[in-house]
Amino acid sequence: MTRPLLTVFFSATAIVLLAACATGPVYLERKAAGGPGYSDEQLAANRYRVTFAGNAQTPRETVEDYLLLHAAEVTLKAGYRYFTFDARDTKSNTTYHSEFAGWPGRGWYWHSWAFGPEPIDTYTTTRYDAYAEIILLTDEQAKNDPHALGAQDVLAHLGPKAKPQN
């Protein structure tokens, strides 16, 4: 193969491999540290920490929606109807990847400038992780808190956005 054909071949192979590994947003329980999904931890009788981590294909808005959705689920499971946020944040984690296209055997470790610079493909991936501490509210507390959210209302509005898992 000629050099331009090799470049096209390696670039096409990388795209196919990335597409095979890519999945859309996933609303499921986090199975491993650093993986996508939701988690929760009870901190006190009426306080929980909830998190949602997306994958590289999950937009920030979806990560934040799924965090809110899981907060509503935790609220109902604990026997409450309302909750409010005490603290919350969304963090981004961007990584940069570079691939050298060239002759087989010459790449990252065997890079050579003998025949001129080899093409370099660089791309970024960004993952978003959101966390919040929620306070579960009684009906009376919710009446006096203008920031109180109804768990059933949140589920009605955001629940249909969550993709069903097989």
Protein backbone atom coordinates (compact mmCIF):
# COMPACT_ATOMS: atom_id res chain seq x y z
CA MET A 1 0.00 0.00 0.00
CA THR A 2 1.08 3.53 -0.57
CA ARG A 3 1.46 5.96 2.28
CA PRO A 4 -1.85 7.86 1.70
CA LEU A 5 -3.74 4.57 1.53
CA LEU A 6 -2.17 3.42 4.78
CA THR A 7 -3.17 6.66 6.43
CA VAL A 8 -6.77 6.23 5.27
CA PHE A 9 -6.73 2.57 6.34
CA PHE A 10 -5.47 3.30 9.86
CA SER A 11 -7.81 6.28 10.29
CA ALA A 12 -10.82 4.24 9.14
CA THR A 13 -9.84 1.39 11.47
CA ALA A 14 -9.59 3.78 14.42
CA ILE A 15 -13.03 5.25 13.64
CA VAL A 16 -14.62 1.79 13.39
CA LEU A 17 -13.06 0.74 16.71
CA LEU A 18 -14.20 3.92 18.45
CA ALA A 19 -17.72 3.53 17.07
CA ALA A 20 -17.85 -0.06 18.30
CA CYS A 21 -16.90 1.02 21.82
CA ALA A 22 -19.22 4.04 21.92
CA THR A 23 -22.58 3.87 23.57
CA GLY A 24 -25.15 6.55 24.19
CA PRO A 25 -26.20 7.88 27.56
CA VAL A 26 -26.72 5.13 30.09
CA TYR A 27 -29.13 5.42 33.01
CA LEU A 28 -28.15 2.53 35.21
CA GLU A 29 -26.53 1.84 38.55
CA ARG A 30 -22.78 2.42 38.60
CA LYS A 31 -21.05 -0.96 38.76
CA ALA A 32 -17.43 0.15 39.09
CA ALA A 33 -15.62 3.21 40.40
CA GLY A 34 -15.02 5.63 37.56
CA GLY A 35 -17.66 4.00 35.36
CA PRO A 36 -20.88 5.55 34.09
CA GLY A 37 -24.14 5.44 36.02
CA TYR A 38 -25.75 6.61 39.24
CA SER A 39 -25.01 5.98 42.89
CA ASP A 40 -26.30 7.19 46.24
CA GLU A 41 -25.22 7.14 49.85
CA GLN A 42 -27.26 7.93 52.93
CA LEU A 43 -25.50 10.55 55.07
CA ALA A 44 -28.16 11.11 57.74
CA ALA A 45 -31.79 10.19 58.34
CA ASN A 46 -33.01 12.74 55.77
CA ARG A 47 -29.83 13.49 53.79
CA TYR A 48 -28.28 11.66 50.82
CA ARG A 49 -25.38 12.15 48.44
CA VAL A 50 -26.41 11.25 44.88
CA THR A 51 -24.11 11.09 41.86
CA PHE A 52 -24.35 10.47 38.16
CA ALA A 53 -21.39 9.96 35.84
CA GLY A 54 -21.80 9.99 32.09
CA ASN A 55 -19.69 8.40 29.42
CA ALA A 56 -17.91 10.23 26.61
CA GLN A 57 -21.14 10.47 24.60
CA THR A 58 -23.32 11.85 27.42
CA PRO A 59 -23.93 15.61 27.21
CA ARG A 60 -23.69 17.73 30.34
CA GLU A 61 -27.43 18.49 30.35
CA THR A 62 -28.26 14.78 30.29
CA VAL A 63 -25.87 14.07 33.18
CA GLU A 64 -27.53 16.81 35.23
CA ASP A 65 -31.04 15.57 34.29
CA TYR A 66 -30.13 12.02 35.33
CA LEU A 67 -28.75 13.29 38.64
CA LEU A 68 -32.04 15.05 39.30
CA LEU A 69 -33.98 11.96 38.24
CA HIS A 70 -32.03 9.75 40.63
CA ALA A 71 -32.50 12.26 43.46
CA ALA A 72 -36.26 11.95 42.93
CA GLU A 73 -36.06 8.15 42.96
CA VAL A 74 -34.04 8.18 46.21
CA THR A 75 -36.59 10.54 47.78
CA LEU A 76 -39.54 8.27 46.99
CA LYS A 77 -37.68 5.12 48.01
CA ALA A 78 -36.94 6.71 51.41
CA GLY A 79 -40.67 7.41 51.91
CA TYR A 80 -40.60 11.16 51.26
CA ARG A 81 -42.35 13.19 48.56
CA TYR A 82 -40.15 16.32 48.42
CA PHE A 83 -36.47 17.17 48.41
CA THR A 84 -34.17 20.14 48.01
CA PHE A 85 -30.52 20.52 47.09
CA ASP A 86 -28.04 21.49 49.77
CA ALA A 87 -25.02 21.39 47.46
CA ARG A 88 -24.43 20.27 43.90
CA ASP A 89 -21.82 20.50 41.18
CA THR A 90 -20.95 19.14 37.75
CA LYS A 91 -17.34 18.54 36.80
CA SER A 92 -15.87 17.87 33.39
CA ASN A 93 -12.95 15.58 32.64
CA THR A 94 -11.43 16.18 29.20
CA THR A 95 -8.76 13.90 27.78
CA TYR A 96 -6.75 14.39 24.61
CA HIS A 97 -5.75 11.54 22.33
CA SER A 98 -3.25 11.69 19.47
CA GLU A 99 -2.70 9.02 16.88
CA PHE A 100 0.17 8.91 14.47
CA ALA A 101 -0.67 7.50 11.06
CA GLY A 102 2.24 6.08 9.15
CA TRP A 103 3.97 2.96 8.03
CA PRO A 104 3.32 -0.19 10.07
CA GLY A 105 5.88 -0.48 12.84
CA ARG A 106 6.34 3.27 12.94
CA GLY A 107 4.05 5.15 15.21
CA TRP A 108 4.28 6.48 18.71
CA TYR A 109 7.46 4.63 19.69
CA TRP A 110 9.06 4.26 16.29
CA HIS A 111 8.25 7.71 14.92
CA SER A 112 10.73 8.89 12.32
CA TRP A 113 11.06 12.21 10.54
CA ALA A 114 13.24 10.66 7.83
CA PHE A 115 10.46 10.90 5.25
CA GLY A 116 8.85 14.08 6.54
CA PRO A 117 6.31 14.55 9.28
CA GLU A 118 3.65 11.89 9.60
CA PRO A 119 -0.01 12.95 9.90
CA ILE A 120 -1.26 13.23 13.45
CA ASP A 121 -4.94 12.90 14.35
CA THR A 122 -5.85 14.48 17.68
CA TYR A 123 -9.29 14.32 19.27
CA THR A 124 -10.76 15.07 22.66
CA THR A 125 -13.30 13.30 24.83
CA THR A 126 -15.14 14.88 27.72
CA ARG A 127 -17.00 13.09 30.49
CA TYR A 128 -19.24 14.84 33.00
CA ASP A 129 -19.71 13.80 36.62
CA ALA A 130 -22.44 15.41 38.72
CA TYR A 131 -23.02 15.11 42.44
CA ALA A 132 -25.45 16.59 44.91
CA GLU A 133 -26.38 16.42 48.56
CA ILE A 134 -30.13 16.36 48.92
CA ILE A 135 -32.30 16.96 51.96
CA LEU A 136 -35.54 15.01 52.11
CA LEU A 137 -38.47 17.14 53.24
CA THR A 138 -41.75 16.40 54.97
CA ASP A 139 -44.88 17.88 53.40
CA GLU A 140 -44.88 20.64 56.03
CA GLN A 141 -41.21 21.51 55.41
CA ALA A 142 -41.81 21.56 51.64
CA LYS A 143 -44.62 24.12 52.03
CA ASN A 144 -42.15 26.54 53.65
CA ASP A 145 -39.25 25.93 51.24
CA PRO A 146 -39.49 27.73 47.87
CA HIS A 147 -36.72 25.48 46.48
CA ALA A 148 -38.52 22.22 47.32
CA LEU A 149 -38.97 19.84 44.40
CA GLY A 150 -41.73 17.26 44.16
CA ALA A 151 -40.22 13.87 43.40
CA GLN A 152 -43.28 12.73 41.39
CA ASP A 153 -43.13 15.91 39.27
CA VAL A 154 -39.45 15.33 38.50
CA LEU A 155 -40.14 11.71 37.51
CA ALA A 156 -43.03 12.78 35.27
CA HIS A 157 -40.87 15.32 33.43
CA LEU A 158 -37.48 13.62 33.30
CA GLY A 159 -38.31 9.92 33.57
CA PRO A 160 -39.17 9.52 29.86
CA LYS A 161 -35.70 10.87 28.93
CA ALA A 162 -33.95 7.92 30.60
CA LYS A 163 -33.31 5.18 28.07
CA PRO A 164 -34.64 1.80 29.16
CA GLN A 165 -31.84 -0.68 29.76
CA ASN A 166 -31.91 -4.23 28.42
